Amino acid sequence: MEFPVEIWLRGDNHATTATIAPVPREPRSWSDADVVAVLEEMLRALERAKDPQASPDRPVALRGFSWIVSPFETGGVVIALELTLGAVVAGPFDVPERELTASIDRVIRAQRGSTGTIH
């Protein structure tokens, strides 16, 4: 499934749009693994906007950013991620806000738990 992402780099006065296709399924059928793939590809799209030479397969950790699932004005929901580098918004997706929020929360907490102690 392809969907648009809007990317704003900190310090720029404009946004850019990219299209990503991290998973084949529709949002209502996403597993937690699909949600991980979506978040990782959103973060990679943000990095590519800053550095077009960035590796498309660079490992990504789901930490160090703020996120929200928010209703979209014409229906569905969007996922917004914000980092020091900038922000990326994907969607809209036809899936209940609470379901997508719960899934993102689960995958982020699971990845934090699997990284061990960081000093």
PDB file of N, CA and C in Angstrom:
ATOM      1  N   MET A   1       0.840  -1.180   0.000  1.00  0.00           N
ATOM      2  CA  MET A   1       0.000   0.000   0.000  1.00  0.00           C
ATOM      3  C   MET A   1       0.882   1.239   0.000  1.00  0.00           C
ATOM      4  N   GLU A   2       0.666   2.118  -0.939  1.00  0.00           N
ATOM      5  CA  GLU A   2       1.376   3.398  -0.985  1.00  0.00           C
ATOM      6  C   GLU A   2       0.568   4.457  -0.254  1.00  0.00           C
ATOM      7  N   PHE A   3       1.288   5.368   0.416  1.00  0.00           N
ATOM      8  CA  PHE A   3       0.617   6.510   1.016  1.00  0.00           C
ATOM      9  C   PHE A   3       1.583   7.682   1.105  1.00  0.00           C
ATOM     10  N   PRO A   4       1.029   8.900   1.134  1.00  0.00           N
ATOM     11  CA  PRO A   4       1.875  10.087   1.169  1.00  0.00           C
ATOM     12  C   PRO A   4       2.375  10.394   2.568  1.00  0.00           C
ATOM     13  N   VAL A   5       3.557  11.012   2.622  1.00  0.00           N
ATOM     14  CA  VAL A   5       4.085  11.575   3.855  1.00  0.00           C
ATOM     15  C   VAL A   5       4.468  13.021   3.571  1.00  0.00           C
ATOM     16  N   GLU A   6       4.118  13.877   4.497  1.00  0.00           N
ATOM     17  CA  GLU A   6       4.504  15.284   4.431  1.00  0.00           C
ATOM     18  C   GLU A   6       5.681  15.457   5.375  1.00  0.00           C
ATOM     19  N   ILE A   7       6.745  16.085   4.878  1.00  0.00           N
ATOM     20  CA  ILE A   7       7.991  16.203   5.640  1.00  0.00           C
ATOM     21  C   ILE A   7       8.356  17.672   5.803  1.00  0.00           C
ATOM     22  N   TRP A   8       8.619  18.056   7.045  1.00  0.00           N
ATOM     23  CA  TRP A   8       9.091  19.401   7.359  1.00  0.00           C
ATOM     24  C   TRP A   8      10.433  19.270   8.065  1.00  0.00           C
ATOM     25  N   LEU A   9      11.475  19.802   7.451  1.00  0.00           N
ATOM     26  CA  LEU A   9      12.794  19.822   8.089  1.00  0.00           C
ATOM     27  C   LEU A   9      12.926  21.099   8.896  1.00  0.00           C
ATOM     28  N   ARG A  10      13.431  20.972  10.103  1.00  0.00           N
ATOM     29  CA  ARG A  10      13.624  22.134  10.947  1.00  0.00           C
ATOM     30  C   ARG A  10      14.543  23.127  10.233  1.00  0.00           C
ATOM     31  N   GLY A  11      14.126  24.377  10.216  1.00  0.00           N
ATOM     32  CA  GLY A  11      14.904  25.421   9.562  1.00  0.00           C
ATOM     33  C   GLY A  11      14.462  25.708   8.136  1.00  0.00           C
ATOM     34  N   ASP A  12      13.647  24.843   7.551  1.00  0.00           N
ATOM     35  CA  ASP A  12      13.110  25.088   6.207  1.00  0.00           C
ATOM     36  C   ASP A  12      11.758  25.773   6.320  1.00  0.00           C
ATOM     37  N   ASN A  13      11.415  26.556   5.318  1.00  0.00           N
ATOM     38  CA  ASN A  13      10.135  27.250   5.315  1.00  0.00           C
ATOM     39  C   ASN A  13       9.073  26.536   4.495  1.00  0.00           C
ATOM     40  N   HIS A  14       9.370  25.344   4.018  1.00  0.00           N
ATOM     41  CA  HIS A  14       8.412  24.628   3.184  1.00  0.00           C
ATOM     42  C   HIS A  14       8.415  23.136   3.543  1.00  0.00           C
ATOM     43  N   ALA A  15       7.354  22.490   3.146  1.00  0.00           N
ATOM     44  CA  ALA A  15       7.251  21.053   3.344  1.00  0.00           C
ATOM     45  C   ALA A  15       7.426  20.359   2.001  1.00  0.00           C
ATOM     46  N   THR A  16       7.829  19.107   2.054  1.00  0.00           N
ATOM     47  CA  THR A  16       7.908  18.298   0.847  1.00  0.00           C
ATOM     48  C   THR A  16       7.009  17.086   1.042  1.00  0.00           C
ATOM     49  N   THR A  17       6.615  16.496  -0.062  1.00  0.00           N
ATOM     50  CA  THR A  17       5.778  15.304  -0.022  1.00  0.00           C
ATOM     51  C   THR A  17       6.536  14.153  -0.648  1.00  0.00           C
ATOM     52  N   ALA A  18       6.450  13.002  -0.038  1.00  0.00           N
ATOM     53  CA  ALA A  18       7.034  11.777  -0.583  1.00  0.00           C
ATOM     54  C   ALA A  18       5.964  10.689  -0.493  1.00  0.00           C
ATOM     55  N   THR A  19       6.186   9.621  -1.212  1.00  0.00           N
ATOM     56  CA  THR A  19       5.293   8.468  -1.139  1.00  0.00           C
ATOM     57  C   THR A  19       6.111   7.282  -0.653  1.00  0.00           C
ATOM     58  N   ILE A  20       5.564   6.566   0.321  1.00  0.00           N
ATOM     59  CA  ILE A  20       6.233   5.373   0.823  1.00  0.00           C
ATOM     60  C   ILE A  20       5.268   4.193   0.722  1.00  0.00           C
ATOM     61  N   ALA A  21       5.823   3.002   0.692  1.00  0.00           N
ATOM     62  CA  ALA A  21       5.005   1.784   0.598  1.00  0.00           C
ATOM     63  C   ALA A  21       5.632   0.679   1.445  1.00  0.00           C
ATOM     64  N   PRO A  22       5.610   0.844   2.776  1.00  0.00           N
ATOM     65  CA  PRO A  22       6.295  -0.113   3.652  1.00  0.00           C
ATOM     66  C   PRO A  22       5.561  -1.428   3.877  1.00  0.00           C
ATOM     67  N   VAL A  23       4.249  -1.460   3.650  1.00  0.00           N
ATOM     68  CA  VAL A  23       3.471  -2.682   3.900  1.00  0.00           C
ATOM     69  C   VAL A  23       2.423  -2.866   2.802  1.00  0.00           C
ATOM     70  N   PRO A  24       2.088  -4.117   2.494  1.00  0.00           N
ATOM     71  CA  PRO A  24       1.110  -4.360   1.433  1.00  0.00           C
ATOM     72  C   PRO A  24      -0.353  -4.260   1.885  1.00  0.00           C
ATOM     73  N   ARG A  25      -0.609  -4.402   3.188  1.00  0.00           N
ATOM     74  CA  ARG A  25      -1.985  -4.461   3.684  1.00  0.00           C
ATOM     75  C   ARG A  25      -2.580  -3.077   3.927  1.00  0.00           C
ATOM     76  N   GLU A  26      -3.901  -3.041   3.931  1.00  0.00           N
ATOM     77  CA  GLU A  26      -4.640  -1.835   4.292  1.00  0.00           C
ATOM     78  C   GLU A  26      -4.539  -1.621   5.805  1.00  0.00           C
ATOM     79  N   PRO A  27      -4.631  -0.370   6.276  1.00  0.00           N
ATOM     80  CA  PRO A  27      -4.437  -0.069   7.701  1.00  0.00           C
ATOM     81  C   PRO A  27      -5.311  -0.861   8.669  1.00  0.00           C
ATOM     82  N   ARG A  28      -6.533  -1.150   8.315  1.00  0.00           N
ATOM     83  CA  ARG A  28      -7.400  -1.907   9.234  1.00  0.00           C
ATOM     84  C   ARG A  28      -6.887  -3.326   9.458  1.00  0.00           C
ATOM     85  N   SER A  29      -5.987  -3.795   8.587  1.00  0.00           N
ATOM     86  CA  SER A  29      -5.440  -5.154   8.693  1.00  0.00           C
ATOM     87  C   SER A  29      -4.006  -5.167   9.210  1.00  0.00           C
ATOM     88  N   TRP A  30      -3.457  -3.995   9.577  1.00  0.00           N
ATOM     89  CA  TRP A  30      -2.070  -3.937  10.008  1.00  0.00           C
ATOM     90  C   TRP A  30      -1.845  -4.737  11.281  1.00  0.00           C
ATOM     91  N   SER A  31      -0.766  -5.500  11.270  1.00  0.00           N
ATOM     92  CA  SER A  31      -0.278  -6.157  12.482  1.00  0.00           C
ATOM     93  C   SER A  31       0.671  -5.184  13.173  1.00  0.00           C
ATOM     94  N   ASP A  32       1.118  -5.539  14.374  1.00  0.00           N
ATOM     95  CA  ASP A  32       2.114  -4.691  15.034  1.00  0.00           C
ATOM     96  C   ASP A  32       3.395  -4.625  14.210  1.00  0.00           C
ATOM     97  N   ALA A  33       3.765  -5.712  13.540  1.00  0.00           N
ATOM     98  CA  ALA A  33       4.961  -5.696  12.681  1.00  0.00           C
ATOM     99  C   ALA A  33       4.785  -4.707  11.526  1.00  0.00           C
ATOM    100  N   ASP A  34       3.576  -4.614  10.995  1.00  0.00           N
ATOM    101  CA  ASP A  34       3.305  -3.636   9.934  1.00  0.00           C
ATOM    102  C   ASP A  34       3.450  -2.213  10.467  1.00  0.00           C
ATOM    103  N   VAL A  35       2.965  -1.981  11.678  1.00  0.00           N
ATOM    104  CA  VAL A  35       3.072  -0.649  12.283  1.00  0.00           C
ATOM    105  C   VAL A  35       4.539  -0.287  12.475  1.00  0.00           C
ATOM    106  N   VAL A  36       5.355  -1.232  12.903  1.00  0.00           N
ATOM    107  CA  VAL A  36       6.799  -0.989  13.027  1.00  0.00           C
ATOM    108  C   VAL A  36       7.360  -0.584  11.670  1.00  0.00           C
ATOM    109  N   ALA A  37       7.008  -1.308  10.618  1.00  0.00           N
ATOM    110  CA  ALA A  37       7.510  -1.002   9.267  1.00  0.00           C
ATOM    111  C   ALA A  37       7.076   0.392   8.823  1.00  0.00           C
ATOM    112  N   VAL A  38       5.846   0.781   9.126  1.00  0.00           N
ATOM    113  CA  VAL A  38       5.353   2.113   8.764  1.00  0.00           C
ATOM    114  C   VAL A  38       6.156   3.191   9.488  1.00  0.00           C
ATOM    115  N   LEU A  39       6.317   3.041  10.802  1.00  0.00           N
ATOM    116  CA  LEU A  39       7.065   4.042  11.574  1.00  0.00           C
ATOM    117  C   LEU A  39       8.515   4.142  11.109  1.00  0.00           C
ATOM    118  N   GLU A  40       9.141   2.996  10.887  1.00  0.00           N
ATOM    119  CA  GLU A  40      10.536   3.010  10.427  1.00  0.00           C
ATOM    120  C   GLU A  40      10.664   3.702   9.076  1.00  0.00           C
ATOM    121  N   GLU A  41       9.743   3.425   8.167  1.00  0.00           N
ATOM    122  CA  GLU A  41       9.835   4.044   6.838  1.00  0.00           C
ATOM    123  C   GLU A  41       9.527   5.534   6.891  1.00  0.00           C
ATOM    124  N   MET A  42       8.653   5.944   7.803  1.00  0.00           N
ATOM    125  CA  MET A  42       8.416   7.380   7.993  1.00  0.00           C
ATOM    126  C   MET A  42       9.699   8.067   8.457  1.00  0.00           C
ATOM    127  N   LEU A  43      10.396   7.448   9.413  1.00  0.00           N
ATOM    128  CA  LEU A  43      11.647   8.024   9.916  1.00  0.00           C
ATOM    129  C   LEU A  43      12.719   8.047   8.824  1.00  0.00           C
ATOM    130  N   ARG A  44      12.778   7.002   8.020  1.00  0.00           N
ATOM    131  CA  ARG A  44      13.741   6.983   6.909  1.00  0.00           C
ATOM    132  C   ARG A  44      13.421   8.059   5.874  1.00  0.00           C
ATOM    133  N   ALA A  45      12.141   8.288   5.605  1.00  0.00           N
ATOM    134  CA  ALA A  45      11.748   9.330   4.651  1.00  0.00           C
ATOM    135  C   ALA A  45      12.202  10.700   5.148  1.00  0.00           C
ATOM    136  N   LEU A  46      12.073  10.939   6.442  1.00  0.00           N
ATOM    137  CA  LEU A  46      12.535  12.196   7.025  1.00  0.00           C
ATOM    138  C   LEU A  46      14.043  12.328   6.857  1.00  0.00           C
ATOM    139  N   GLU A  47      14.759  11.251   7.125  1.00  0.00           N
ATOM    140  CA  GLU A  47      16.217  11.284   6.984  1.00  0.00           C
ATOM    141  C   GLU A  47      16.616  11.523   5.525  1.00  0.00           C
ATOM    142  N   ARG A  48      15.942  10.860   4.577  1.00  0.00           N
ATOM    143  CA  ARG A  48      16.261  11.044   3.146  1.00  0.00           C
ATOM    144  C   ARG A  48      15.991  12.473   2.693  1.00  0.00           C
ATOM    145  N   ALA A  49      14.996  13.125   3.301  1.00  0.00           N
ATOM    146  CA  ALA A  49      14.724  14.521   2.958  1.00  0.00           C
ATOM    147  C   ALA A  49      15.903  15.404   3.352  1.00  0.00           C
ATOM    148  N   LYS A  50      16.530  15.077   4.458  1.00  0.00           N
ATOM    149  CA  LYS A  50      17.708  15.833   4.921  1.00  0.00           C
ATOM    150  C   LYS A  50      18.957  15.415   4.166  1.00  0.00           C
ATOM    151  N   ASP A  51      19.104  14.100   3.922  1.00  0.00           N
ATOM    152  CA  ASP A  51      20.288  13.553   3.259  1.00  0.00           C
ATOM    153  C   ASP A  51      19.854  12.544   2.201  1.00  0.00           C
ATOM    154  N   PRO A  52      19.703  12.987   0.952  1.00  0.00           N
ATOM    155  CA  PRO A  52      19.242  12.076  -0.108  1.00  0.00           C
ATOM    156  C   PRO A  52      20.138  10.849  -0.307  1.00  0.00           C
ATOM    157  N   GLN A  53      21.362  10.886   0.180  1.00  0.00           N
ATOM    158  CA  GLN A  53      22.278   9.753   0.054  1.00  0.00           C
ATOM    159  C   GLN A  53      22.136   8.741   1.194  1.00  0.00           C
ATOM    160  N   ALA A  54      21.237   8.992   2.129  1.00  0.00           N
ATOM    161  CA  ALA A  54      21.047   8.097   3.269  1.00  0.00           C
ATOM    162  C   ALA A  54      20.643   6.707   2.791  1.00  0.00           C
ATOM    163  N   SER A  55      21.171   5.708   3.441  1.00  0.00           N
ATOM    164  CA  SER A  55      20.871   4.324   3.087  1.00  0.00           C
ATOM    165  C   SER A  55      19.390   4.012   3.316  1.00  0.00           C
ATOM    166  N   PRO A  56      18.723   3.407   2.331  1.00  0.00           N
ATOM    167  CA  PRO A  56      17.314   3.077   2.509  1.00  0.00           C
ATOM    168  C   PRO A  56      17.077   1.938   3.501  1.00  0.00           C
ATOM    169  N   ASP A  57      18.143   1.227   3.871  1.00  0.00           N
ATOM    170  CA  ASP A  57      18.021   0.097   4.788  1.00  0.00           C
ATOM    171  C   ASP A  57      18.653   0.371   6.143  1.00  0.00           C
ATOM    172  N   ARG A  58      18.970   1.622   6.428  1.00  0.00           N
ATOM    173  CA  ARG A  58      19.615   1.967   7.693  1.00  0.00           C
ATOM    174  C   ARG A  58      18.747   1.509   8.864  1.00  0.00           C
ATOM    175  N   PRO A  59      19.349   0.879   9.867  1.00  0.00           N
ATOM    176  CA  PRO A  59      18.565   0.468  11.043  1.00  0.00           C
ATOM    177  C   PRO A  59      17.924   1.675  11.722  1.00  0.00           C
ATOM    178  N   VAL A  60      16.736   1.473  12.235  1.00  0.00           N
ATOM    179  CA  VAL A  60      15.976   2.536  12.882  1.00  0.00           C
ATOM    180  C   VAL A  60      15.550   2.054  14.262  1.00  0.00           C
ATOM    181  N   ALA A  61      15.682   2.923  15.257  1.00  0.00           N
ATOM    182  CA  ALA A  61      15.200   2.631  16.610  1.00  0.00           C
ATOM    183  C   ALA A  61      13.963   3.480  16.858  1.00  0.00           C
ATOM    184  N   LEU A  62      12.938   2.883  17.397  1.00  0.00           N
ATOM    185  CA  LEU A  62      11.694   3.609  17.657  1.00  0.00           C
ATOM    186  C   LEU A  62      11.759   4.286  19.019  1.00  0.00           C
ATOM    187  N   ARG A  63      12.615   5.282  19.113  1.00  0.00           N
ATOM    188  CA  ARG A  63      12.741   6.084  20.330  1.00  0.00           C
ATOM    189  C   ARG A  63      13.332   7.433  19.944  1.00  0.00           C
ATOM    190  N   GLY A  64      13.199   8.388  20.844  1.00  0.00           N
ATOM    191  CA  GLY A  64      13.772   9.705  20.605  1.00  0.00           C
ATOM    192  C   GLY A  64      12.882  10.621  19.787  1.00  0.00           C
ATOM    193  N   PHE A  65      11.590  10.316  19.719  1.00  0.00           N
ATOM    194  CA  PHE A  65      10.675  11.188  18.991  1.00  0.00           C
ATOM    195  C   PHE A  65       9.326  11.221  19.699  1.00  0.00           C
ATOM    196  N   SER A  66       8.584  12.271  19.404  1.00  0.00           N
ATOM    197  CA  SER A  66       7.207  12.387  19.884  1.00  0.00           C
ATOM    198  C   SER A  66       6.286  11.924  18.769  1.00  0.00           C
ATOM    199  N   TRP A  67       5.148  11.361  19.139  1.00  0.00           N
ATOM    200  CA  TRP A  67       4.213  10.899  18.121  1.00  0.00           C
ATOM    201  C   TRP A  67       2.783  11.114  18.584  1.00  0.00           C
ATOM    202  N   ILE A  68       1.893  11.156  17.598  1.00  0.00           N
ATOM    203  CA  ILE A  68       0.464  11.261  17.887  1.00  0.00           C
ATOM    204  C   ILE A  68      -0.300  10.699  16.694  1.00  0.00           C
ATOM    205  N   VAL A  69      -1.430  10.092  16.989  1.00  0.00           N
ATOM    206  CA  VAL A  69      -2.403   9.720  15.971  1.00  0.00           C
ATOM    207  C   VAL A  69      -3.534  10.726  16.124  1.00  0.00           C
ATOM    208  N   SER A  70      -3.873  11.386  15.030  1.00  0.00           N
ATOM    209  CA  SER A  70      -4.832  12.477  15.109  1.00  0.00           C
ATOM    210  C   SER A  70      -5.879  12.362  14.000  1.00  0.00           C
ATOM    211  N   PRO A  71      -7.128  12.729  14.303  1.00  0.00           N
ATOM    212  CA  PRO A  71      -8.153  12.726  13.256  1.00  0.00           C
ATOM    213  C   PRO A  71      -7.773  13.683  12.126  1.00  0.00           C
ATOM    214  N   PHE A  72      -8.105  13.283  10.900  1.00  0.00           N
ATOM    215  CA  PHE A  72      -7.855  14.115   9.726  1.00  0.00           C
ATOM    216  C   PHE A  72      -9.147  14.823   9.348  1.00  0.00           C
ATOM    217  N   GLU A  73      -9.044  16.043   8.882  1.00  0.00           N
ATOM    218  CA  GLU A  73     -10.222  16.878   8.636  1.00  0.00           C
ATOM    219  C   GLU A  73     -11.242  16.271   7.675  1.00  0.00           C
ATOM    220  N   THR A  74     -10.802  15.467   6.706  1.00  0.00           N
ATOM    221  CA  THR A  74     -11.745  14.890   5.740  1.00  0.00           C
ATOM    222  C   THR A  74     -12.051  13.424   6.025  1.00  0.00           C
ATOM    223  N   GLY A  75     -11.586  12.913   7.164  1.00  0.00           N
ATOM    224  CA  GLY A  75     -11.855  11.535   7.556  1.00  0.00           C
ATOM    225  C   GLY A  75     -10.580  10.737   7.739  1.00  0.00           C
ATOM    226  N   GLY A  76     -10.665   9.727   8.542  1.00  0.00           N
ATOM    227  CA  GLY A  76      -9.499   8.908   8.843  1.00  0.00           C
ATOM    228  C   GLY A  76      -8.615   9.566   9.879  1.00  0.00           C
ATOM    229  N   VAL A  77      -7.416   9.029  10.007  1.00  0.00           N
ATOM    230  CA  VAL A  77      -6.444   9.557  10.964  1.00  0.00           C
ATOM    231  C   VAL A  77      -5.082   9.673  10.295  1.00  0.00           C
ATOM    232  N   VAL A  78      -4.229  10.499  10.885  1.00  0.00           N
ATOM    233  CA  VAL A  78      -2.844  10.621  10.441  1.00  0.00           C
ATOM    234  C   VAL A  78      -1.926  10.248  11.591  1.00  0.00           C
ATOM    235  N   ILE A  79      -0.713   9.834  11.230  1.00  0.00           N
ATOM    236  CA  ILE A  79       0.343   9.585  12.205  1.00  0.00           C
ATOM    237  C   ILE A  79       1.339  10.723  12.046  1.00  0.00           C
ATOM    238  N   ALA A  80       1.646  11.405  13.134  1.00  0.00           N
ATOM    239  CA  ALA A  80       2.629  12.492  13.109  1.00  0.00           C
ATOM    240  C   ALA A  80       3.775  12.145  14.044  1.00  0.00           C
ATOM    241  N   LEU A  81       5.010  12.269  13.526  1.00  0.00           N
ATOM    242  CA  LEU A  81       6.225  12.051  14.309  1.00  0.00           C
ATOM    243  C   LEU A  81       7.019  13.349  14.316  1.00  0.00           C
ATOM    244  N   GLU A  82       7.577  13.714  15.462  1.00  0.00           N
ATOM    245  CA  GLU A  82       8.397  14.917  15.549  1.00  0.00           C
ATOM    246  C   GLU A  82       9.724  14.579  16.215  1.00  0.00           C
ATOM    247  N   LEU A  83      10.804  15.045  15.575  1.00  0.00           N
ATOM    248  CA  LEU A  83      12.162  14.847  16.079  1.00  0.00           C
ATOM    249  C   LEU A  83      12.885  16.179  16.026  1.00  0.00           C
ATOM    250  N   THR A  84      14.093  16.199  16.542  1.00  0.00           N
ATOM    251  CA  THR A  84      14.914  17.397  16.445  1.00  0.00           C
ATOM    252  C   THR A  84      15.134  17.772  14.986  1.00  0.00           C
ATOM    253  N   LEU A  85      15.274  16.779  14.121  1.00  0.00           N
ATOM    254  CA  LEU A  85      15.495  16.985  12.686  1.00  0.00           C
ATOM    255  C   LEU A  85      14.314  17.652  12.008  1.00  0.00           C
ATOM    256  N   GLY A  86      13.099  17.347  12.441  1.00  0.00           N
ATOM    257  CA  GLY A  86      11.899  17.879  11.810  1.00  0.00           C
ATOM    258  C   GLY A  86      10.699  17.025  12.153  1.00  0.00           C
ATOM    259  N   ALA A  87       9.725  17.011  11.251  1.00  0.00           N
ATOM    260  CA  ALA A  87       8.494  16.258  11.480  1.00  0.00           C
ATOM    261  C   ALA A  87       8.066  15.568  10.198  1.00  0.00           C
ATOM    262  N   VAL A  88       7.336  14.472  10.365  1.00  0.00           N
ATOM    263  CA  VAL A  88       6.790  13.736   9.227  1.00  0.00           C
ATOM    264  C   VAL A  88       5.384  13.290   9.609  1.00  0.00           C
ATOM    265  N   VAL A  89       4.456  13.478   8.669  1.00  0.00           N
ATOM    266  CA  VAL A  89       3.059  13.114   8.886  1.00  0.00           C
ATOM    267  C   VAL A  89       2.628  12.191   7.754  1.00  0.00           C
ATOM    268  N   ALA A  90       2.017  11.066   8.105  1.00  0.00           N
ATOM    269  CA  ALA A  90       1.564  10.093   7.112  1.00  0.00           C
ATOM    270  C   ALA A  90       0.062   9.907   7.218  1.00  0.00           C
ATOM    271  N   GLY A  91      -0.551   9.657   6.077  1.00  0.00           N
ATOM    272  CA  GLY A  91      -1.969   9.368   6.052  1.00  0.00           C
ATOM    273  C   GLY A  91      -2.715  10.310   5.148  1.00  0.00           C
ATOM    274  N   PRO A  92      -4.005  10.301   5.217  1.00  0.00           N
ATOM    275  CA  PRO A  92      -4.851   9.701   6.246  1.00  0.00           C
ATOM    276  C   PRO A  92      -5.082   8.209   6.019  1.00  0.00           C
ATOM    277  N   PHE A  93      -5.395   7.547   7.126  1.00  0.00           N
ATOM    278  CA  PHE A  93      -5.651   6.113   7.129  1.00  0.00           C
ATOM    279  C   PHE A  93      -7.060   5.846   7.641  1.00  0.00           C
ATOM    280  N   ASP A  94      -7.732   4.907   7.019  1.00  0.00           N
ATOM    281  CA  ASP A  94      -9.075   4.515   7.431  1.00  0.00           C
ATOM    282  C   ASP A  94      -8.966   3.425   8.486  1.00  0.00           C
ATOM    283  N   VAL A  95      -8.752   3.870   9.721  1.00  0.00           N
ATOM    284  CA  VAL A  95      -8.632   2.962  10.853  1.00  0.00           C
ATOM    285  C   VAL A  95      -9.019   3.762  12.101  1.00  0.00           C
ATOM    286  N   PRO A  96      -9.670   3.147  13.065  1.00  0.00           N
ATOM    287  CA  PRO A  96     -10.025   3.888  14.274  1.00  0.00           C
ATOM    288  C   PRO A  96      -8.790   4.423  15.008  1.00  0.00           C
ATOM    289  N   GLU A  97      -8.885   5.660  15.446  1.00  0.00           N
ATOM    290  CA  GLU A  97      -7.781   6.328  16.134  1.00  0.00           C
ATOM    291  C   GLU A  97      -7.285   5.515  17.332  1.00  0.00           C
ATOM    292  N   ARG A  98      -8.175   5.015  18.143  1.00  0.00           N
ATOM    293  CA  ARG A  98      -7.765   4.294  19.362  1.00  0.00           C
ATOM    294  C   ARG A  98      -7.015   3.004  19.027  1.00  0.00           C
ATOM    295  N   GLU A  99      -7.402   2.325  17.943  1.00  0.00           N
ATOM    296  CA  GLU A  99      -6.709   1.089  17.562  1.00  0.00           C
ATOM    297  C   GLU A  99      -5.283   1.371  17.099  1.00  0.00           C
ATOM    298  N   LEU A 100      -5.118   2.387  16.256  1.00  0.00           N
ATOM    299  CA  LEU A 100      -3.778   2.714  15.774  1.00  0.00           C
ATOM    300  C   LEU A 100      -2.910   3.262  16.900  1.00  0.00           C
ATOM    301  N   THR A 101      -3.489   4.078  17.767  1.00  0.00           N
ATOM    302  CA  THR A 101      -2.753   4.591  18.930  1.00  0.00           C
ATOM    303  C   THR A 101      -2.275   3.442  19.808  1.00  0.00           C
ATOM    304  N   ALA A 102      -3.144   2.486  20.080  1.00  0.00           N
ATOM    305  CA  ALA A 102      -2.776   1.346  20.926  1.00  0.00           C
ATOM    306  C   ALA A 102      -1.667   0.523  20.285  1.00  0.00           C
ATOM    307  N   SER A 103      -1.735   0.320  18.989  1.00  0.00           N
ATOM    308  CA  SER A 103      -0.711  -0.459  18.299  1.00  0.00           C
ATOM    309  C   SER A 103       0.640   0.255  18.328  1.00  0.00           C
ATOM    310  N   ILE A 104       0.642   1.548  18.042  1.00  0.00           N
ATOM    311  CA  ILE A 104       1.907   2.298  18.087  1.00  0.00           C
ATOM    312  C   ILE A 104       2.486   2.264  19.494  1.00  0.00           C
ATOM    313  N   ASP A 105       1.651   2.474  20.487  1.00  0.00           N
ATOM    314  CA  ASP A 105       2.111   2.427  21.874  1.00  0.00           C
ATOM    315  C   ASP A 105       2.737   1.076  22.197  1.00  0.00           C
ATOM    316  N   ARG A 106       2.089   0.000  21.775  1.00  0.00           N
ATOM    317  CA  ARG A 106       2.615  -1.356  22.030  1.00  0.00           C
ATOM    318  C   ARG A 106       3.978  -1.559  21.383  1.00  0.00           C
ATOM    319  N   VAL A 107       4.110  -1.185  20.110  1.00  0.00           N
ATOM    320  CA  VAL A 107       5.366  -1.479  19.409  1.00  0.00           C
ATOM    321  C   VAL A 107       6.515  -0.629  19.944  1.00  0.00           C
ATOM    322  N   ILE A 108       6.220   0.593  20.320  1.00  0.00           N
ATOM    323  CA  ILE A 108       7.277   1.444  20.869  1.00  0.00           C
ATOM    324  C   ILE A 108       7.705   0.936  22.244  1.00  0.00           C
ATOM    325  N   ARG A 109       6.733   0.568  23.086  1.00  0.00           N
ATOM    326  CA  ARG A 109       7.089   0.027  24.401  1.00  0.00           C
ATOM    327  C   ARG A 109       7.836  -1.296  24.276  1.00  0.00           C
ATOM    328  N   ALA A 110       7.440  -2.129  23.342  1.00  0.00           N
ATOM    329  CA  ALA A 110       8.118  -3.418  23.141  1.00  0.00           C
ATOM    330  C   ALA A 110       9.559  -3.203  22.698  1.00  0.00           C
ATOM    331  N   GLN A 111       9.783  -2.244  21.812  1.00  0.00           N
ATOM    332  CA  GLN A 111      11.147  -2.012  21.359  1.00  0.00           C
ATOM    333  C   GLN A 111      11.993  -1.390  22.467  1.00  0.00           C
ATOM    334  N   ARG A 112      11.421  -0.534  23.266  1.00  0.00           N
ATOM    335  CA  ARG A 112      12.163   0.039  24.399  1.00  0.00           C
ATOM    336  C   ARG A 112      12.571  -1.054  25.376  1.00  0.00           C
ATOM    337  N   GLY A 113      11.667  -2.001  25.599  1.00  0.00           N
ATOM    338  CA  GLY A 113      11.945  -3.092  26.515  1.00  0.00           C
ATOM    339  C   GLY A 113      12.993  -4.042  26.002  1.00  0.00           C
ATOM    340  N   SER A 114      13.156  -4.152  24.685  1.00  0.00           N
ATOM    341  CA  SER A 114      14.104  -5.091  24.113  1.00  0.00           C
ATOM    342  C   SER A 114      15.508  -4.526  23.963  1.00  0.00           C
ATOM    343  N   THR A 115      15.678  -3.216  24.209  1.00  0.00           N
ATOM    344  CA  THR A 115      16.988  -2.601  24.019  1.00  0.00           C
ATOM    345  C   THR A 115      17.870  -2.723  25.249  1.00  0.00           C
ATOM    346  N   GLY A 116      17.305  -3.136  26.354  1.00  0.00           N
ATOM    347  CA  GLY A 116      18.106  -3.234  27.574  1.00  0.00           C
ATOM    348  C   GLY A 116      18.285  -1.875  28.206  1.00  0.00           C
ATOM    349  N   THR A 117      19.191  -1.805  29.145  1.00  0.00           N
ATOM    350  CA  THR A 117      19.447  -0.544  29.840  1.00  0.00           C
ATOM    351  C   THR A 117      20.427   0.298  29.040  1.00  0.00           C
ATOM    352  N   ILE A 118      20.075   1.545  28.886  1.00  0.00           N
ATOM    353  CA  ILE A 118      20.939   2.486  28.157  1.00  0.00           C
ATOM    354  C   ILE A 118      21.437   3.511  29.161  1.00  0.00           C
ATOM    355  N   HIS A 119      22.741   3.687  29.218  1.00  0.00           N
ATOM    356  CA  HIS A 119      23.343   4.641  30.158  1.00  0.00           C
ATOM    357  C   HIS A 119      23.896   5.812  29.405  1.00  0.00           C
TER     358      HIS A 119
END
